[in-house]
C-alpha atoms as a PDB file:
ATOM      1  CA  UNK A   1     -40.986 160.363 -22.333  1.00  0.00           C
ATOM      2  CA  UNK A   2     -43.991 161.912 -24.085  1.00  0.00           C
ATOM      3  CA  UNK A   3     -45.073 158.503 -25.241  1.00  0.00           C
ATOM      4  CA  UNK A   4     -44.987 157.126 -21.679  1.00  0.00           C
ATOM      5  CA  UNK A   5     -47.063 159.960 -20.377  1.00  0.00           C
ATOM      6  CA  UNK A   6     -49.538 159.438 -23.137  1.00  0.00           C
ATOM      7  CA  UNK A   7     -49.831 155.769 -22.306  1.00  0.00           C
ATOM      8  CA  UNK A   8     -50.339 156.570 -18.616  1.00  0.00           C
ATOM      9  CA  UNK A   9     -53.094 158.983 -19.528  1.00  0.00           C
ATOM     10  CA  UNK A  10     -54.834 156.236 -21.487  1.00  0.00           C
ATOM     11  CA  UNK A  11     -54.988 153.883 -18.448  1.00  0.00           C
ATOM     12  CA  UNK A  12     -58.383 153.381 -16.855  1.00  0.00           C
ATOM     13  CA  UNK A  13     -58.445 155.672 -13.772  1.00  0.00           C
ATOM     14  CA  UNK A  14     -61.174 153.549 -12.188  1.00  0.00           C
ATOM     15  CA  UNK A  15     -60.081 149.880 -12.086  1.00  0.00           C
ATOM     16  CA  UNK A  16     -62.972 147.410 -11.788  1.00  0.00           C
ATOM     17  CA  UNK A  17     -64.041 146.792  -8.178  1.00  0.00           C
ATOM     18  CA  UNK A  18     -64.407 143.337  -6.705  1.00  0.00           C
ATOM     19  CA  UNK A  19     -67.889 141.974  -6.104  1.00  0.00           C
ATOM     20  CA  UNK A  20     -68.945 142.888  -2.524  1.00  0.00           C
ATOM     21  CA  UNK A  21     -70.024 139.291  -1.892  1.00  0.00           C
ATOM     22  CA  UNK A  22     -66.554 138.064  -2.806  1.00  0.00           C
ATOM     23  CA  UNK A  23     -64.999 140.641  -0.465  1.00  0.00           C
ATOM     24  CA  UNK A  24     -67.353 139.584   2.336  1.00  0.00           C
ATOM     25  CA  UNK A  25     -66.554 135.906   1.774  1.00  0.00           C
ATOM     26  CA  UNK A  26     -62.803 136.606   1.889  1.00  0.00           C
ATOM     27  CA  UNK A  27     -63.219 138.574   5.125  1.00  0.00           C
ATOM     28  CA  UNK A  28     -65.294 135.857   6.796  1.00  0.00           C
ATOM     29  CA  UNK A  29     -62.943 133.072   5.708  1.00  0.00           C
ATOM     30  CA  UNK A  30     -59.916 135.028   6.976  1.00  0.00           C
ATOM     31  CA  UNK A  31     -61.629 135.702  10.313  1.00  0.00           C
ATOM     32  CA  UNK A  32     -62.537 132.018  10.737  1.00  0.00           C
ATOM     33  CA  UNK A  33     -58.981 130.894   9.933  1.00  0.00           C
ATOM     34  CA  UNK A  34     -57.545 133.404  12.416  1.00  0.00           C
ATOM     35  CA  UNK A  35     -60.043 132.378  15.099  1.00  0.00           C
ATOM     36  CA  UNK A  36     -59.295 128.680  14.627  1.00  0.00           C
ATOM     37  CA  UNK A  37     -55.562 129.350  14.664  1.00  0.00           C
ATOM     38  CA  UNK A  38     -55.799 131.345  17.885  1.00  0.00           C
ATOM     39  CA  UNK A  39     -58.027 128.719  19.497  1.00  0.00           C
ATOM     40  CA  UNK A  40     -55.740 125.878  18.460  1.00  0.00           C
ATOM     41  CA  UNK A  41     -52.366 127.396  19.306  1.00  0.00           C
ATOM     42  CA  UNK A  42     -52.778 130.447  21.564  1.00  0.00           C
ATOM     43  CA  UNK A  43     -55.859 130.572  23.796  1.00  0.00           C
ATOM     44  CA  UNK A  44     -59.440 129.443  24.128  1.00  0.00           C
ATOM     45  CA  UNK A  45     -62.447 129.964  26.348  1.00  0.00           C
ATOM     46  CA  UNK A  46     -63.720 127.236  28.678  1.00  0.00           C
ATOM     47  CA  UNK A  47     -66.536 126.985  31.188  1.00  0.00           C
ATOM     48  CA  UNK A  48     -66.661 125.126  34.499  1.00  0.00           C
ATOM     49  CA  UNK A  49     -69.352 122.390  34.612  1.00  0.00           C
ATOM     50  CA  UNK A  50     -68.742 121.020  38.132  1.00  0.00           C
ATOM     51  CA  UNK A  51     -67.933 122.009  41.703  1.00  0.00           C
ATOM     52  CA  UNK A  52     -64.607 120.128  41.891  1.00  0.00           C
ATOM     53  CA  UNK A  53     -62.538 123.337  41.871  1.00  0.00           C
ATOM     54  CA  UNK A  54     -64.576 125.331  44.385  1.00  0.00           C
ATOM     55  CA  UNK A  55     -63.974 127.792  45.963  1.00  0.00           C
ATOM     56  CA  UNK A  56     -61.471 128.910  43.296  1.00  0.00           C
ATOM     57  CA  UNK A  57     -63.822 128.183  40.401  1.00  0.00           C
ATOM     58  CA  UNK A  58     -67.585 127.957  40.579  1.00  0.00           C
ATOM     59  CA  UNK A  59     -70.026 126.214  38.278  1.00  0.00           C
ATOM     60  CA  UNK A  60     -70.504 128.186  35.015  1.00  0.00           C
ATOM     61  CA  UNK A  61     -67.404 130.341  35.492  1.00  0.00           C
ATOM     62  CA  UNK A  62     -65.877 131.239  32.122  1.00  0.00           C
ATOM     63  CA  UNK A  63     -62.087 131.153  31.746  1.00  0.00           C
ATOM     64  CA  UNK A  64     -59.399 131.899  29.213  1.00  0.00           C
ATOM     65  CA  UNK A  65     -56.942 129.024  28.846  1.00  0.00           C
ATOM     66  CA  UNK A  66     -53.564 130.045  27.445  1.00  0.00           C
ATOM     67  CA  UNK A  67     -51.672 127.399  25.481  1.00  0.00           C
ATOM     68  CA  UNK A  68     -48.281 128.917  24.715  1.00  0.00           C
ATOM     69  CA  UNK A  69     -46.312 129.068  27.965  1.00  0.00           C
ATOM     70  CA  UNK A  70     -45.865 125.310  28.427  1.00  0.00           C
ATOM     71  CA  UNK A  71     -44.016 125.156  25.108  1.00  0.00           C
ATOM     72  CA  UNK A  72     -41.284 127.253  26.723  1.00  0.00           C
ATOM     73  CA  UNK A  73     -41.377 126.298  30.405  1.00  0.00           C
ATOM     74  CA  UNK A  74     -42.529 123.465  32.615  1.00  0.00           C
ATOM     75  CA  UNK A  75     -45.756 123.608  34.644  1.00  0.00           C
ATOM     76  CA  UNK A  76     -45.250 124.523  38.295  1.00  0.00           C
ATOM     77  CA  UNK A  77     -47.031 123.573  41.483  1.00  0.00           C
ATOM     78  CA  UNK A  78     -50.172 125.631  41.908  1.00  0.00           C
ATOM     79  CA  UNK A  79     -50.960 126.030  38.204  1.00  0.00           C
ATOM     80  CA  UNK A  80     -54.608 125.379  37.362  1.00  0.00           C
ATOM     81  CA  UNK A  81     -54.532 123.335  34.154  1.00  0.00           C
ATOM     82  CA  UNK A  82     -56.986 121.992  31.618  1.00  0.00           C
ATOM     83  CA  UNK A  83     -56.099 118.568  30.229  1.00  0.00           C
ATOM     84  CA  UNK A  84     -57.519 115.883  27.988  1.00  0.00           C
ATOM     85  CA  UNK A  85     -58.520 112.583  29.615  1.00  0.00           C
ATOM     86  CA  UNK A  86     -55.630 110.255  30.433  1.00  0.00           C
ATOM     87  CA  UNK A  87     -55.654 106.618  29.291  1.00  0.00           C
ATOM     88  CA  UNK A  88     -57.116 105.625  32.669  1.00  0.00           C
ATOM     89  CA  UNK A  89     -59.954 108.138  32.215  1.00  0.00           C
ATOM     90  CA  UNK A  90     -60.554 107.160  28.591  1.00  0.00           C
ATOM     91  CA  UNK A  91     -60.903 103.542  29.750  1.00  0.00           C
ATOM     92  CA  UNK A  92     -63.729 104.792  32.001  1.00  0.00           C
ATOM     93  CA  UNK A  93     -65.399 106.437  28.983  1.00  0.00           C
ATOM     94  CA  UNK A  94     -64.463 110.031  29.829  1.00  0.00           C
ATOM     95  CA  UNK A  95     -64.064 112.236  26.758  1.00  0.00           C
ATOM     96  CA  UNK A  96     -64.326 115.838  27.978  1.00  0.00           C
ATOM     97  CA  UNK A  97     -61.393 117.880  29.279  1.00  0.00           C
ATOM     98  CA  UNK A  98     -60.736 118.163  33.029  1.00  0.00           C
ATOM     99  CA  UNK A  99     -59.545 121.128  35.075  1.00  0.00           C
ATOM    100  CA  UNK A 100     -57.475 120.637  38.248  1.00  0.00           C
ATOM    101  CA  UNK A 101     -54.552 122.137  40.158  1.00  0.00           C
ATOM    102  CA  UNK A 102     -51.020 120.775  39.823  1.00  0.00           C
ATOM    103  CA  UNK A 103     -49.772 119.564  43.204  1.00  0.00           C
ATOM    104  CA  UNK A 104     -47.067 117.005  42.430  1.00  0.00           C
ATOM    105  CA  UNK A 105     -44.200 117.543  39.984  1.00  0.00           C
ATOM    106  CA  UNK A 106     -42.176 114.834  38.223  1.00  0.00           C
ATOM    107  CA  UNK A 107     -40.007 112.862  40.643  1.00  0.00           C
ATOM    108  CA  UNK A 108     -41.679 114.149  43.813  1.00  0.00           C
ATOM    109  CA  UNK A 109     -43.142 112.002  46.561  1.00  0.00           C
ATOM    110  CA  UNK A 110     -46.744 112.971  47.383  1.00  0.00           C
ATOM    111  CA  UNK A 111     -48.793 111.905  50.371  1.00  0.00           C
ATOM    112  CA  UNK A 112     -52.142 113.024  51.769  1.00  0.00           C
ATOM    113  CA  UNK A 113     -52.624 112.293  55.460  1.00  0.00           C
ATOM    114  CA  UNK A 114     -54.198 113.840  58.542  1.00  0.00           C
ATOM    115  CA  UNK A 115     -55.944 116.480  56.424  1.00  0.00           C
ATOM    116  CA  UNK A 116     -52.809 117.808  54.705  1.00  0.00           C
ATOM    117  CA  UNK A 117     -50.721 117.295  51.577  1.00  0.00           C
ATOM    118  CA  UNK A 118     -47.041 116.446  51.933  1.00  0.00           C
ATOM    119  CA  UNK A 119     -44.491 116.867  49.166  1.00  0.00           C
ATOM    120  CA  UNK A 120     -41.213 115.046  49.800  1.00  0.00           C
ATOM    121  CA  UNK A 121     -42.313 114.662  53.446  1.00  0.00           C
ATOM    122  CA  UNK A 122     -42.882 118.409  53.873  1.00  0.00           C
ATOM    123  CA  UNK A 123     -46.373 119.770  54.438  1.00  0.00           C
ATOM    124  CA  UNK A 124     -47.458 122.422  51.955  1.00  0.00           C
ATOM    125  CA  UNK A 125     -49.704 125.351  52.811  1.00  0.00           C
ATOM    126  CA  UNK A 126     -52.884 125.448  50.739  1.00  0.00           C
ATOM    127  CA  UNK A 127     -54.963 128.593  51.118  1.00  0.00           C
ATOM    128  CA  UNK A 128     -57.174 127.807  48.119  1.00  0.00           C
ATOM    129  CA  UNK A 129     -58.911 124.557  49.193  1.00  0.00           C
ATOM    130  CA  UNK A 130     -62.554 124.320  50.255  1.00  0.00           C
ATOM    131  CA  UNK A 131     -61.750 122.089  53.233  1.00  0.00           C
ATOM    132  CA  UNK A 132     -59.044 119.766  54.443  1.00  0.00           C
ATOM    133  CA  UNK A 133     -58.997 116.382  52.675  1.00  0.00           C
ATOM    134  CA  UNK A 134     -60.757 113.652  54.625  1.00  0.00           C
ATOM    135  CA  UNK A 135     -58.890 110.827  52.901  1.00  0.00           C
ATOM    136  CA  UNK A 136     -55.396 109.352  53.015  1.00  0.00           C
ATOM    137  CA  UNK A 137     -53.406 108.756  49.852  1.00  0.00           C
ATOM    138  CA  UNK A 138     -49.881 107.604  49.066  1.00  0.00           C
ATOM    139  CA  UNK A 139     -47.077 108.078  49.390  1.00  0.00           C
ATOM    140  CA  UNK A 140     -46.614 107.877  45.620  1.00  0.00           C
ATOM    141  CA  UNK A 141     -43.786 109.071  43.387  1.00  0.00           C
ATOM    142  CA  UNK A 142     -44.796 111.135  40.358  1.00  0.00           C
ATOM    143  CA  UNK A 143     -43.330 109.557  37.191  1.00  0.00           C
ATOM    144  CA  UNK A 144     -41.050 111.549  34.842  1.00  0.00           C
ATOM    145  CA  UNK A 145     -42.968 113.839  32.488  1.00  0.00           C
ATOM    146  CA  UNK A 146     -46.183 113.525  34.489  1.00  0.00           C
ATOM    147  CA  UNK A 147     -48.061 115.508  37.147  1.00  0.00           C
ATOM    148  CA  UNK A 148     -50.304 114.815  40.111  1.00  0.00           C
ATOM    149  CA  UNK A 149     -53.402 117.016  40.064  1.00  0.00           C
ATOM    150  CA  UNK A 150     -56.059 117.592  42.705  1.00  0.00           C
ATOM    151  CA  UNK A 151     -59.272 119.610  42.780  1.00  0.00           C
ATOM    152  CA  UNK A 152     -59.503 122.490  45.239  1.00  0.00           C
ATOM    153  CA  UNK A 153     -62.749 120.981  46.507  1.00  0.00           C
ATOM    154  CA  UNK A 154     -60.696 118.103  47.868  1.00  0.00           C
ATOM    155  CA  UNK A 155     -63.493 115.912  49.163  1.00  0.00           C
ATOM    156  CA  UNK A 156     -65.644 116.316  46.055  1.00  0.00           C
ATOM    157  CA  UNK A 157     -63.147 115.990  43.226  1.00  0.00           C
ATOM    158  CA  UNK A 158     -62.453 113.081  40.886  1.00  0.00           C
ATOM    159  CA  UNK A 159     -58.721 113.626  40.509  1.00  0.00           C
ATOM    160  CA  UNK A 160     -55.274 111.995  40.629  1.00  0.00           C
ATOM    161  CA  UNK A 161     -55.886 110.313  43.970  1.00  0.00           C
ATOM    162  CA  UNK A 162     -58.488 108.162  42.162  1.00  0.00           C
ATOM    163  CA  UNK A 163     -57.053 107.604  38.686  1.00  0.00           C
ATOM    164  CA  UNK A 164     -53.352 108.526  38.629  1.00  0.00           C
ATOM    165  CA  UNK A 165     -51.112 111.039  36.890  1.00  0.00           C
ATOM    166  CA  UNK A 166     -51.413 113.438  33.941  1.00  0.00           C
ATOM    167  CA  UNK A 167     -48.751 113.207  31.214  1.00  0.00           C
ATOM    168  CA  UNK A 168     -47.527 116.613  30.057  1.00  0.00           C
ATOM    169  CA  UNK A 169     -48.668 115.920  26.496  1.00  0.00           C
ATOM    170  CA  UNK A 170     -52.267 115.696  27.760  1.00  0.00           C
ATOM    171  CA  UNK A 171     -52.179 119.240  29.166  1.00  0.00           C
ATOM    172  CA  UNK A 172     -54.071 121.673  26.922  1.00  0.00           C
ATOM    173  CA  UNK A 173     -53.046 124.825  28.766  1.00  0.00           C
ATOM    174  CA  UNK A 174     -53.096 126.927  31.886  1.00  0.00           C
ATOM    175  CA  UNK A 175     -56.195 128.704  33.190  1.00  0.00           C
ATOM    176  CA  UNK A 176     -55.098 132.248  33.878  1.00  0.00           C
ATOM    177  CA  UNK A 177     -58.073 134.606  33.825  1.00  0.00           C
ATOM    178  CA  UNK A 178     -61.796 134.447  34.580  1.00  0.00           C
ATOM    179  CA  UNK A 179     -63.890 136.677  32.320  1.00  0.00           C
ATOM    180  CA  UNK A 180     -67.342 135.700  33.617  1.00  0.00           C
ATOM    181  CA  UNK A 181     -69.121 136.525  35.870  1.00  0.00           C
ATOM    182  CA  UNK A 182     -68.022 140.145  35.781  1.00  0.00           C
ATOM    183  CA  UNK A 183     -68.109 140.531  39.564  1.00  0.00           C
ATOM    184  CA  UNK A 184     -65.302 137.943  39.821  1.00  0.00           C
ATOM    185  CA  UNK A 185     -63.355 139.024  36.749  1.00  0.00           C
ATOM    186  CA  UNK A 186     -59.592 138.620  37.045  1.00  0.00           C
ATOM    187  CA  UNK A 187     -56.655 136.249  37.443  1.00  0.00           C
ATOM    188  CA  UNK A 188     -57.190 133.015  39.355  1.00  0.00           C
ATOM    189  CA  UNK A 189     -54.212 133.163  41.712  1.00  0.00           C
ATOM    190  CA  UNK A 190     -51.598 135.655  42.679  1.00  0.00           C
ATOM    191  CA  UNK A 191     -48.373 133.889  41.672  1.00  0.00           C
ATOM    192  CA  UNK A 192     -46.372 132.389  43.082  1.00  0.00           C
ATOM    193  CA  UNK A 193     -48.552 130.418  45.465  1.00  0.00           C
ATOM    194  CA  UNK A 194     -45.404 128.835  46.881  1.00  0.00           C
ATOM    195  CA  UNK A 195     -41.999 130.337  47.616  1.00  0.00           C
ATOM    196  CA  UNK A 196     -39.423 129.644  44.930  1.00  0.00           C
ATOM    197  CA  UNK A 197     -37.768 126.239  45.261  1.00  0.00           C
ATOM    198  CA  UNK A 198     -40.098 125.411  48.125  1.00  0.00           C
ATOM    199  CA  UNK A 199     -42.052 122.213  48.590  1.00  0.00           C
END
């Protein structure tokens, strides 16, 4: 016992400290890894470069896109989603992500006529659009595992009625909050936009 105490007393009470530059490097590297991990798997910021989603989103709005929920549940009508270009868009040399609103779900029949959107022959109410669509489209049936998306600025949006459907694996995530400009800070829509199980 005495010997142990003696040995403890001989230990250096002030262990050598790590170089501050090494500590700083470790901190920065850890922060970068965490930031990249969050951006890749959890959420990321995006800005709006066009008017295709007006009046909901204006040019230069900044959003947070969350990426987790679609791993556990399917997208629903009304969700505003960011997605990578489809094969049809890549063939037209598009490389940047798009942002649109989901209107048609897998297996549904979609038609645009007389200024309104019809899902399975039932007109849906759309309080978020800039103006009624001035074009006719469909009817088309949304393929399994894919979605029909339209811009809220219906007559000034390059969307599914031009180039087709969005496969689920192209969806990056759901836009759920605007953080800039501050005077319009908040969630994009009060959910649900549509009654449950309603077309």
